[in-house]
Protein backbone atom coordinates (compact mmCIF):
# COMPACT_ATOMS: atom_id res chain seq x y z
CA MET A 1 103.71 -75.80 19.22
CA ARG A 2 104.73 -78.39 20.90
CA ARG A 3 105.09 -76.75 24.49
CA ALA A 4 101.67 -75.37 23.53
CA ALA A 5 100.24 -78.14 22.72
CA ARG A 6 101.04 -79.63 25.89
CA ILE A 7 99.53 -76.83 28.08
CA GLU A 8 96.26 -77.29 26.40
CA ILE A 9 96.19 -80.75 27.02
CA PHE A 10 97.30 -80.59 30.84
CA PHE A 11 94.90 -77.85 31.21
CA GLY A 12 91.86 -79.53 29.60
CA LEU A 13 92.40 -82.59 32.15
CA PHE A 14 92.61 -80.26 34.98
CA ALA A 15 89.34 -79.08 34.00
CA LEU A 16 87.83 -81.98 33.44
CA ALA A 17 89.22 -83.50 36.74
CA LEU A 18 87.96 -80.50 38.33
CA ILE A 19 84.18 -81.12 36.71
CA TYR A 20 84.29 -85.11 38.27
CA LEU A 21 85.19 -83.62 41.37
CA VAL A 22 82.81 -80.76 41.62
CA LEU A 23 80.06 -83.70 40.70
CA ALA A 24 81.07 -85.87 42.80
CA LYS A 25 79.97 -83.92 45.29
CA ASP A 26 76.69 -83.35 44.20
CA ALA A 27 76.77 -80.32 42.05
CA SER A 28 73.51 -78.93 40.21
CA ILE A 29 74.11 -77.66 36.94
CA THR A 30 71.23 -76.49 35.02
CA GLY A 31 68.66 -78.77 36.54
CA PHE A 32 71.00 -81.72 36.80
CA ILE A 33 71.40 -83.31 40.36
CA THR A 34 73.98 -86.15 41.34
CA SER A 35 72.56 -88.36 43.96
CA PRO A 36 74.99 -88.48 47.16
CA SER A 37 76.22 -92.00 47.89
CA TYR A 38 76.35 -93.00 51.72
CA GLU A 39 79.69 -93.59 52.72
CA ILE A 40 77.75 -94.82 56.49
CA LEU A 41 76.17 -98.14 55.60
CA LEU A 42 73.49 -99.46 58.24
CA VAL A 43 73.58 -103.04 58.83
CA SER A 44 70.85 -103.42 61.37
CA PRO A 45 68.25 -103.30 62.61
CA PRO A 46 66.53 -103.60 59.65
CA HIS A 47 64.34 -100.66 58.34
CA ASP A 48 60.42 -100.55 59.78
CA LEU A 49 61.37 -103.24 62.86
CA GLN A 50 59.07 -103.38 65.31
CA THR A 51 60.09 -105.66 68.35
CA THR A 52 59.82 -106.09 72.22
CA GLN A 53 63.19 -105.78 72.91
CA THR A 54 64.60 -102.81 74.62
CA SER A 55 68.00 -103.28 74.96
CA MET A 56 69.02 -102.40 70.89
CA ALA A 57 72.57 -102.59 69.00
CA PHE A 58 72.92 -100.36 66.11
CA MET A 59 75.27 -101.83 63.77
CA PHE A 60 76.94 -100.34 60.79
CA LYS A 61 79.83 -100.23 58.40
CA TYR A 62 82.00 -98.12 56.27
CA PRO A 63 84.93 -98.14 53.27
CA TYR A 64 88.57 -99.09 54.70
CA ASN A 65 89.76 -95.81 53.36
CA LEU A 66 88.00 -93.62 55.97
CA GLU A 67 90.16 -92.60 58.73
CA ILE A 68 87.18 -92.85 61.37
CA THR A 69 87.66 -91.02 64.26
CA GLU A 70 83.97 -91.19 66.29
CA CYS A 71 80.51 -91.99 65.42
CA SER A 72 77.04 -90.74 67.02
CA LEU A 73 73.53 -92.46 67.26
CA ILE A 74 70.93 -89.99 66.54
CA LEU A 75 67.60 -91.03 67.70
CA ASN A 76 64.51 -88.77 66.33
CA ASP A 77 67.20 -85.92 65.70
CA GLU A 78 68.92 -85.89 68.82
CA LEU A 79 72.18 -87.43 69.95
CA ALA A 80 72.12 -90.47 71.95
CA ARG A 81 75.61 -92.12 72.17
CA THR A 82 79.02 -91.25 70.65
CA ALA A 83 81.73 -93.85 70.59
CA ASN A 84 85.20 -92.74 69.80
CA ALA A 85 87.07 -96.29 70.11
CA LEU A 86 86.67 -99.58 69.13
CA LEU A 87 85.32 -98.57 65.54
CA SER A 88 85.77 -101.08 62.58
CA PRO A 89 84.88 -100.64 59.04
CA ARG A 90 83.19 -104.38 58.94
CA ASP A 91 81.19 -103.95 62.35
CA THR A 92 81.00 -101.52 64.85
CA ARG A 93 78.24 -101.03 66.90
CA ILE A 94 76.49 -98.79 69.42
CA ARG A 95 74.29 -100.24 72.00
CA VAL A 96 71.32 -98.27 74.14
CA ASP A 97 68.65 -99.30 76.40
CA LEU A 98 65.79 -97.40 74.66
CA VAL A 99 61.66 -97.28 75.85
CA GLU A 100 58.71 -98.15 74.09
CA GLY A 101 57.76 -96.32 71.37
CA SER A 102 58.62 -95.19 67.69
CA TYR A 103 62.26 -94.00 66.98
CA LEU A 104 63.86 -92.49 63.79
CA TRP A 105 67.69 -93.41 63.84
CA ARG A 106 70.72 -92.42 61.82
CA ILE A 107 74.75 -92.84 62.24
CA GLU A 108 76.89 -89.88 61.81
CA CYS A 109 80.71 -90.13 61.61
CA LEU A 110 83.47 -87.99 61.38
CA ASP A 111 86.03 -88.26 58.92
CA ALA A 112 89.49 -86.93 59.87
CA SER A 113 90.91 -86.97 56.88
CA THR A 114 88.49 -84.81 55.31
CA ASN A 115 87.60 -83.32 57.91
CA THR A 116 83.93 -83.89 57.36
CA ARG A 117 81.28 -85.36 58.44
CA LEU A 118 79.38 -88.33 57.15
CA ILE A 119 75.43 -89.03 57.76
CA SER A 120 73.67 -92.21 56.93
CA ASN A 121 70.36 -92.76 55.25
CA THR A 122 67.45 -92.98 58.32
CA ARG A 123 65.61 -95.89 59.07
CA ARG A 124 62.41 -96.59 61.19
CA LEU A 125 62.11 -98.71 64.94
CA SER A 126 59.57 -99.68 67.09
CA ILE A 127 59.42 -100.53 70.48
CA GLY A 128 56.68 -101.98 72.35
CA GLU A 129 53.55 -104.48 71.66
CA GLN A 130 53.45 -105.42 67.95
CA VAL A 131 50.64 -103.67 66.34
CA GLU A 132 50.10 -103.97 62.52
CA PRO A 133 51.64 -100.65 61.27
CA GLU A 134 49.41 -98.54 58.67
CA LEU A 135 52.23 -97.84 55.97
CA LYS A 136 53.35 -101.46 54.59
CA ILE A 137 56.60 -101.06 52.57
CA SER A 138 58.01 -103.84 50.11
CA LYS A 139 60.00 -104.69 47.90
CA PHE A 140 58.65 -105.10 43.86
CA PRO A 141 59.40 -108.58 42.85
CA GLY A 142 61.32 -108.36 39.41
CA ARG A 143 61.15 -104.82 39.33
CA ASP A 144 62.91 -101.76 40.76
CA GLY A 145 60.98 -99.72 43.34
CA TYR A 146 59.37 -100.31 46.54
CA LEU A 147 55.29 -100.42 47.25
CA TYR A 148 54.06 -98.60 50.01
CA SER A 149 50.22 -99.45 50.72
CA PHE A 150 48.09 -98.09 53.41
CA GLU A 151 44.29 -98.33 54.06
CA LEU A 152 42.15 -94.93 53.73
CA ARG A 153 40.29 -94.65 56.74
CA GLU A 154 38.40 -90.94 58.31
CA GLY A 155 41.37 -89.10 60.03
CA LEU A 156 44.13 -90.66 58.10
CA GLU A 157 47.32 -88.76 58.80
CA LEU A 158 50.70 -90.63 57.05
CA GLU A 159 54.10 -89.36 56.58
CA ILE A 160 55.99 -91.04 53.59
CA ASN A 161 59.11 -90.72 53.36
CA GLU A 162 62.23 -91.14 51.02
CA VAL A 163 60.24 -92.23 47.83
CA LEU A 164 62.26 -92.47 44.78
CA PRO A 165 61.04 -92.65 41.33
CA ASN A 166 59.48 -96.18 40.34
CA ASP A 167 57.79 -96.32 43.36
CA VAL A 168 54.46 -97.06 43.93
CA LEU A 169 51.93 -95.44 46.65
CA ARG A 170 48.99 -97.86 47.00
CA ALA A 171 45.68 -96.61 48.60
CA VAL A 172 43.21 -99.29 50.05
CA LYS A 173 39.76 -98.28 49.93
CA ASP A 174 36.97 -100.84 50.21
CA GLU A 175 39.06 -103.52 49.04
CA ASN A 176 39.49 -101.71 45.81
CA GLU A 177 43.64 -100.54 45.08
CA TYR A 178 44.25 -97.56 43.64
CA ASP A 179 48.15 -96.77 42.76
CA ILE A 180 49.79 -93.47 42.51
CA ASN A 181 53.42 -94.45 40.29
CA ILE A 182 56.09 -91.97 40.83
CA LEU A 183 57.23 -90.78 37.42
CA ARG A 184 59.64 -88.07 37.69
CA ILE A 185 61.52 -86.19 40.49
CA PHE A 186 62.98 -82.74 39.66
CA GLN A 187 64.94 -80.40 41.81
CA ASP A 188 67.04 -77.80 40.69
CA TYR A 189 68.86 -75.56 43.23
CA SER A 190 70.10 -72.60 40.87
CA THR A 191 66.18 -71.51 40.44
CA GLY A 192 64.77 -73.09 43.42
CA ILE A 193 62.08 -75.38 41.57
CA GLU A 194 61.27 -78.67 42.83
CA ASN A 195 58.30 -81.06 42.04
CA VAL A 196 57.56 -84.50 41.33
CA GLU A 197 55.47 -85.93 38.17
CA LEU A 198 52.76 -88.69 39.49
CA MET A 199 50.56 -90.79 37.07
CA ASN A 200 46.98 -91.69 38.97
CA THR A 201 45.76 -95.18 37.99
CA PRO A 202 43.17 -96.67 37.09
CA GLY A 203 42.60 -93.51 34.61
CA ASP A 204 46.15 -92.63 33.95
CA LYS A 205 46.03 -89.02 35.33
CA ARG A 206 49.41 -87.25 35.57
CA ILE A 207 50.09 -85.13 37.88
CA ARG A 208 52.64 -82.67 38.74
CA LEU A 209 52.91 -81.63 42.24
CA GLU A 210 55.25 -78.91 43.72
CA THR A 211 57.01 -78.80 46.87
CA GLY A 212 54.71 -77.26 49.37
CA LYS A 213 51.57 -78.22 47.36
CA SER A 214 49.23 -80.44 48.18
CA ILE A 215 46.01 -81.86 45.97
CA PRO A 216 43.06 -83.69 46.60
CA LEU A 217 42.63 -86.86 44.79
CA ASP A 218 38.99 -88.34 43.99
CA LEU A 219 40.49 -92.27 43.11
CA ASN A 220 37.03 -93.86 42.58
CA ASN A 221 35.46 -90.87 40.26
CA ASP A 222 32.54 -90.43 42.37
CA TRP A 223 33.28 -86.84 42.43
CA GLU A 224 34.17 -86.85 46.31
CA ASP A 225 37.74 -86.39 47.43
CA ASP A 226 39.07 -89.56 48.64
CA MET A 227 42.26 -88.17 50.21
CA ILE A 228 44.62 -85.41 50.30
CA LEU A 229 48.09 -86.15 48.68
CA ALA A 230 51.05 -83.03 50.08
CA LEU A 231 54.57 -82.70 48.95
CA THR A 232 56.18 -81.54 52.22
CA ASP A 233 59.89 -81.71 50.82
CA ILE A 234 62.05 -83.13 48.39
CA SER A 235 65.72 -84.04 49.53
CA TYR A 236 68.67 -85.51 47.37
CA ARG A 237 66.22 -86.62 44.80
CA LYS A 238 63.59 -88.26 47.55
CA ALA A 239 60.44 -86.82 48.02
CA PHE A 240 58.76 -86.45 51.44
CA PHE A 241 54.73 -87.17 51.36
CA LYS A 242 51.92 -86.74 53.92
CA VAL A 243 48.78 -88.24 53.38
CA SER A 244 45.56 -87.21 54.86
CA VAL A 245 41.95 -88.02 54.67
CA PRO A 246 39.21 -85.04 55.07
CA ALA A 247 36.99 -86.13 57.96
CA PRO A 248 33.30 -85.92 56.21
CA GLU A 249 31.41 -82.51 56.27
CA GLU A 250 28.59 -82.12 58.80
CA GLU A 251 25.34 -81.32 58.33
CA VAL A 252 24.08 -78.10 59.10
CA VAL A 253 20.51 -77.72 61.17
CA PRO A 254 19.10 -74.84 60.70
CA GLU A 255 18.44 -73.11 64.60
CA GLU A 256 14.81 -72.22 65.80
CA GLU A 257 14.20 -68.76 65.52
CA PRO A 258 13.28 -67.80 69.16
CA ARG A 259 9.99 -66.67 70.26
CA ASP A 260 9.08 -63.06 71.31
CA THR A 261 8.37 -63.35 75.04
CA GLY A 262 7.78 -59.78 75.36
CA ILE A 263 11.19 -59.53 77.72
CA GLU A 264 13.81 -57.07 76.61
CA ALA A 265 16.74 -59.53 76.66
CA PRO A 266 20.06 -57.76 77.57
CA THR A 267 22.82 -56.00 76.10
CA ILE A 268 25.89 -57.84 76.03
CA ILE A 269 29.10 -56.26 74.46
CA ILE A 270 31.23 -59.17 73.76
CA LYS A 271 35.12 -57.85 72.96
CA PRO A 272 37.47 -59.67 70.87
CA LEU A 273 40.78 -60.86 73.16
CA GLU A 274 43.72 -59.61 71.63
CA MET A 275 46.19 -62.17 70.90
CA GLU A 276 49.70 -62.11 69.14
CA GLU A 277 50.11 -62.56 65.89
CA GLU A 278 52.13 -66.10 65.56
CA GLU A 279 55.34 -65.37 64.01
CA LYS A 280 55.29 -67.22 61.01
CA GLU A 281 58.33 -69.23 60.44
CA PRO A 282 60.43 -68.88 57.19
CA ALA A 283 60.21 -71.38 54.98
CA GLU A 284 63.49 -73.80 55.22
CA ILE A 285 65.73 -73.05 52.90
CA SER A 286 68.67 -74.80 52.11
CA GLU A 287 71.34 -71.72 51.62
CA LYS A 288 74.32 -73.72 51.95
CA GLU A 289 73.16 -76.17 49.22
CA GLY A 290 72.24 -72.54 47.23
CA ALA A 291 75.63 -71.00 47.95
CA PHE A 292 77.37 -74.37 47.39
CA GLY A 293 75.79 -74.51 43.86
CA ILE A 294 76.78 -70.74 42.65
CA VAL A 295 80.36 -71.02 43.82
CA GLN A 296 80.23 -74.43 41.96
CA LEU A 297 79.26 -72.71 39.07
CA PHE A 298 81.52 -70.05 38.83
CA VAL A 299 84.53 -71.92 39.59
CA ILE A 300 83.44 -74.39 36.46
CA GLY A 301 83.02 -71.05 34.44
CA LEU A 302 86.43 -69.69 35.70
CA VAL A 303 88.28 -73.16 34.28
CA ILE A 304 86.52 -73.02 31.06
CA VAL A 305 87.49 -69.42 30.48
CA VAL A 306 90.96 -69.98 31.11
CA ILE A 307 91.38 -72.70 28.98
CA ILE A 308 89.83 -71.07 26.24
CA ALA A 309 92.21 -68.34 26.39
CA LEU A 310 95.28 -70.90 26.82
CA ILE A 311 94.24 -72.41 23.81
CA THR A 312 93.56 -69.39 21.79
CA THR A 313 96.44 -67.36 23.15
CA PRO A 314 99.25 -69.56 21.35
CA ARG A 315 97.49 -69.27 18.02
CA ASP A 316 96.67 -65.46 18.36
CA LYS A 317 100.76 -65.01 18.73
CA LYS A 318 101.48 -67.99 15.60
CA GLU A 319 99.14 -65.57 13.13
CA LYS A 320 100.89 -62.75 14.49
CA ASP A 321 104.69 -63.63 14.11
CA GLU A 322 103.53 -65.14 10.37
CA ARG A 323 102.17 -61.84 10.09
CA SER A 324 104.98 -59.56 10.90
CA TYR A 325 107.40 -62.08 8.94
CA ILE A 326 105.17 -61.46 5.41
CA SER A 327 105.53 -57.69 6.26
CA ALA A 328 109.25 -58.09 6.51
CA LEU A 329 109.64 -60.61 3.73
CA LYS A 330 107.04 -58.08 1.69
CA GLU A 331 109.67 -55.26 3.01
CA ARG A 332 113.16 -56.87 1.62
CA VAL A 333 111.50 -57.56 -1.57
CA LYS A 334 111.14 -53.93 -2.13
CA PHE A 335 115.20 -53.62 -1.83
CA ILE A 336 116.09 -56.07 -4.35
CA LYS A 337 116.32 -54.64 -7.75
CA PRO A 338 115.55 -56.82 -10.18
CA LYS A 339 118.26 -57.86 -12.85
CA LYS A 340 117.97 -56.64 -16.90
CA LYS A 341 117.21 -59.30 -18.89
CA PRO A 342 119.54 -59.52 -21.84
CA ALA A 343 118.72 -57.40 -25.07
CA LYS A 344 117.82 -60.07 -27.88
CA ARG A 345 120.10 -59.94 -30.45
CA LYS A 346 118.50 -59.19 -33.96
CA ARG A 347 119.23 -61.55 -36.40
CA ARG A 348 120.32 -59.96 -39.96
CA LYS A 349 118.63 -61.33 -42.82
CA LYS A 350 121.17 -62.52 -45.57
CA LYS A 351 120.74 -60.52 -48.95
């Protein structure tokens, strides 16, 4: 019994450790998703910096327990520069000369201990004349979440990235403010379901928007769509939106009927130009994430089955041994003859 108990405790602890490791690596189990922690922390320049300086030093840091061999600066999804010397956990910088424009930058480092590539979050940088951005991002004082404020105008097309629950999209129109609160972001790799629950105020209208879908919003209840909100992607429980303002519909002026001049118009035959159909690119599906989630579910299920088998096997063996012992005991009892009790002597009655 002691040996069986030790085996059960050992495999139970092993299963808990395995489940912890799987969850720590962003596993998705029945809709539960853990967001990964970025090991590479960006220091400077800050997010949404606007400057006229063209020579920039991109600074970052990483934990001491990592064996970083090289780090790369990625600008607009392209490799800008790689550093493989003088790397420090506290202060590492990569200096690059840039031209005027807008950049999305991040840092990718290679960890030699695990042979994995670590990726930081993404920041935006603008170089050139300081123009007031259409999207203003600020932190709420005294509460969690960020405020993404923008003004509605004709022809507006705006991307709002890495939005989290408790964040607010604020649309400004004619000095009136309309808030779109992010209530919940749902992502399940196993079923492919991805959606965001929103609440439009004033009015407290609850909206559920799925990935790849868009919805027109009438903010001031005048029966006209003020903006179109599209959910382009969900990644690591962060939502990526696109805001656009539809152009006003042009009035159709009826054409005047041509007058009959008595001259027969020449016949013109127009043949359609044969054009090759554009190949539609399939939607990008994170096959690696789906396969990784399936493998994790299989491993966890296998571990649970092994634990159950190890727990139940000693008990079944014990019960079997007890039944065998009882059967042998019964067989022994059959061959033992019971001793005869001595006959009781009859007492003679005295005459």
